[in-house]
Amino acid sequence: MAIEVGTKAPDFELKDQHGQTVRLSEFRGEKNVVLLFYPFAFTGVCTGELCALREELPKFVNDDTQLLAVSNDSPFALRVFAEQEGLEYPLLSDFWPHGEASRSYEVFDEAKGCAVRGTFIIDKEGVVRWTVVNGLPDARDLNEYVKALDTL
């Protein structure tokens, strides 16, 4: 069971595909955050979801909103994946300590060793305002993210 709407979003500090540290708390008071957990880079459903976001990027990375995508891959794998797919938004590595951020959002699958498809819309005050969690094989509908962002 993922953390609930109305909950203060757990802070984290993760490296992106370029080795830069990203802290969720950096966006407080500045931007809403679309926080997207996905199982692994280079897999069919994940690649499809992340490329769909790339195609609609101005809706998710702008003056008011920041997209952060988190997987349990290493930063090195994420760099190659981002370059291969033309992904210019932050891909964050929850590799070590393995799954720490995913666990804090209660979307880590212990049996599989990866995050399930959890999405959290976090407002500028750092509060979770919308969430959806899908199973590993089930792609998410990014139009739902847009609707949720429109309510903030």
Protein backbone atom coordinates (compact mmCIF):
# COMPACT_ATOMS: atom_id res chain seq x y z
CA MET A 1 0.00 0.00 0.00
CA ALA A 2 1.57 3.28 -1.13
CA ILE A 3 1.58 6.40 0.98
CA GLU A 4 -1.72 8.23 0.91
CA VAL A 5 -3.00 11.53 -0.39
CA GLY A 6 -2.59 14.24 2.23
CA THR A 7 0.66 12.74 3.52
CA LYS A 8 3.85 14.79 3.62
CA ALA A 9 6.03 13.41 0.81
CA PRO A 10 9.12 11.64 2.17
CA ASP A 11 12.25 13.53 1.20
CA PHE A 12 15.07 11.77 -0.61
CA GLU A 13 18.45 12.49 -2.11
CA LEU A 14 19.30 10.52 -5.26
CA LYS A 15 21.79 10.78 -8.13
CA ASP A 16 20.48 11.47 -11.61
CA GLN A 17 21.78 10.01 -14.88
CA HIS A 18 24.53 12.66 -14.91
CA GLY A 19 25.70 11.96 -11.36
CA GLN A 20 24.10 15.14 -9.98
CA THR A 21 22.38 14.97 -6.60
CA VAL A 22 18.65 15.73 -6.65
CA ARG A 23 16.69 16.30 -3.45
CA LEU A 24 12.92 16.34 -3.47
CA SER A 25 12.96 19.14 -0.88
CA GLU A 26 14.74 21.42 -3.42
CA PHE A 27 11.40 21.88 -5.15
CA ARG A 28 9.39 22.89 -2.05
CA GLY A 29 7.95 26.35 -2.38
CA GLU A 30 9.00 26.40 -6.05
CA LYS A 31 7.36 23.63 -8.11
CA ASN A 32 4.84 20.83 -8.01
CA VAL A 33 6.51 17.47 -8.60
CA VAL A 34 5.35 14.50 -10.64
CA LEU A 35 7.24 11.66 -8.97
CA LEU A 36 7.18 8.51 -11.04
CA PHE A 37 8.61 5.19 -9.86
CA TYR A 38 9.21 2.56 -12.53
CA PRO A 39 10.74 -0.94 -12.37
CA PHE A 40 13.69 -0.91 -14.78
CA ALA A 41 15.19 0.95 -17.72
CA PHE A 42 15.34 -0.82 -21.08
CA THR A 43 12.12 -2.78 -20.50
CA GLY A 44 9.18 -2.50 -22.87
CA VAL A 45 6.46 -0.97 -20.70
CA CYS A 46 8.88 1.36 -18.87
CA THR A 47 10.43 2.58 -22.11
CA GLY A 48 6.96 3.21 -23.56
CA GLU A 49 5.84 5.18 -20.51
CA LEU A 50 8.99 7.30 -20.29
CA CYS A 51 8.98 8.05 -24.02
CA ALA A 52 5.30 9.06 -23.84
CA LEU A 53 6.30 11.56 -21.14
CA ARG A 54 9.13 12.79 -23.38
CA GLU A 55 6.57 13.52 -26.11
CA GLU A 56 4.45 15.59 -23.70
CA LEU A 57 7.36 17.07 -21.73
CA PRO A 58 6.16 20.72 -21.61
CA LYS A 59 3.19 19.53 -19.52
CA PHE A 60 5.53 17.94 -16.97
CA VAL A 61 8.63 20.14 -16.95
CA ASN A 62 7.86 23.85 -16.86
CA ASP A 63 7.91 26.87 -14.55
CA ASP A 64 5.33 25.23 -12.27
CA THR A 65 6.10 21.51 -12.47
CA GLN A 66 9.08 19.14 -12.37
CA LEU A 67 9.04 15.50 -13.47
CA LEU A 68 11.29 13.09 -11.54
CA ALA A 69 11.46 9.45 -12.67
CA VAL A 70 12.98 6.94 -10.23
CA SER A 71 14.13 3.36 -10.80
CA ASN A 72 16.39 0.92 -9.02
CA ASP A 73 18.90 0.97 -11.88
CA SER A 74 22.42 2.34 -11.44
CA PRO A 75 23.11 5.92 -12.56
CA PHE A 76 25.38 4.52 -15.29
CA ALA A 77 22.61 2.40 -16.79
CA LEU A 78 20.23 5.36 -16.57
CA ARG A 79 22.68 7.59 -18.48
CA VAL A 80 22.86 5.11 -21.37
CA PHE A 81 19.08 4.63 -21.31
CA ALA A 82 18.44 8.40 -21.34
CA GLU A 83 20.86 8.92 -24.23
CA GLN A 84 19.39 6.04 -26.22
CA GLU A 85 15.80 7.24 -25.77
CA GLY A 86 16.41 11.01 -25.84
CA LEU A 87 15.14 11.50 -22.28
CA GLU A 88 16.16 14.93 -21.00
CA TYR A 89 14.36 14.98 -17.67
CA PRO A 90 15.92 13.61 -14.46
CA LEU A 91 16.14 9.83 -14.19
CA LEU A 92 17.01 9.14 -10.57
CA SER A 93 18.82 6.08 -9.31
CA ASP A 94 17.42 4.36 -6.22
CA PHE A 95 20.16 1.75 -6.59
CA TRP A 96 21.98 2.13 -3.28
CA PRO A 97 20.97 1.77 -0.59
CA HIS A 98 18.87 -0.44 -2.80
CA GLY A 99 15.28 0.78 -3.00
CA GLU A 100 15.44 3.18 -0.06
CA ALA A 101 13.32 5.88 -1.72
CA SER A 102 10.94 3.31 -3.23
CA ARG A 103 10.46 1.79 0.22
CA SER A 104 9.74 5.19 1.76
CA TYR A 105 6.86 5.59 -0.73
CA GLU A 106 5.81 1.97 -0.11
CA VAL A 107 6.15 0.97 -3.77
CA PHE A 108 9.14 -1.42 -3.51
CA ASP A 109 8.43 -5.05 -4.42
CA GLU A 110 10.73 -7.06 -2.14
CA ALA A 111 10.26 -10.28 -4.10
CA LYS A 112 11.24 -8.70 -7.42
CA GLY A 113 13.83 -6.26 -6.05
CA CYS A 114 12.36 -3.23 -7.83
CA ALA A 115 9.74 -0.52 -7.59
CA VAL A 116 6.25 -1.07 -8.92
CA ARG A 117 4.64 1.65 -11.05
CA GLY A 118 3.83 4.28 -8.46
CA THR A 119 3.06 7.88 -9.36
CA PHE A 120 2.73 10.73 -6.89
CA ILE A 121 1.72 14.33 -7.57
CA ILE A 122 3.31 16.45 -4.85
CA ASP A 123 2.32 20.09 -4.38
CA LYS A 124 4.64 23.01 -3.71
CA GLU A 125 4.26 22.51 0.03
CA GLY A 126 5.54 18.94 -0.23
CA VAL A 127 2.19 17.20 0.30
CA VAL A 128 1.02 14.26 -1.82
CA ARG A 129 -2.13 15.42 -3.64
CA TRP A 130 -2.74 12.50 -6.02
CA THR A 131 -1.40 8.99 -6.44
CA VAL A 132 -1.83 5.86 -8.50
CA VAL A 133 -0.03 2.54 -8.25
CA ASN A 134 -0.07 -0.01 -11.06
CA GLY A 135 1.34 -3.51 -11.12
CA LEU A 136 4.56 -4.28 -12.98
CA PRO A 137 2.96 -5.18 -16.34
CA ASP A 138 0.36 -2.38 -16.32
CA ALA A 139 1.21 0.92 -18.03
CA ARG A 140 -0.12 4.15 -16.56
CA ASP A 141 -2.25 6.74 -18.35
CA LEU A 142 -0.31 10.01 -18.41
CA ASN A 143 -3.53 11.91 -19.15
CA GLU A 144 -4.49 11.17 -15.55
CA TYR A 145 -1.33 13.03 -14.39
CA VAL A 146 -2.33 16.05 -16.45
CA LYS A 147 -5.83 16.07 -14.91
CA ALA A 148 -4.33 15.80 -11.41
CA LEU A 149 -1.89 18.65 -12.07
CA ASP A 150 -4.74 20.83 -13.31
CA THR A 151 -6.38 20.60 -9.88
CA LEU A 152 -3.38 22.17 -8.09
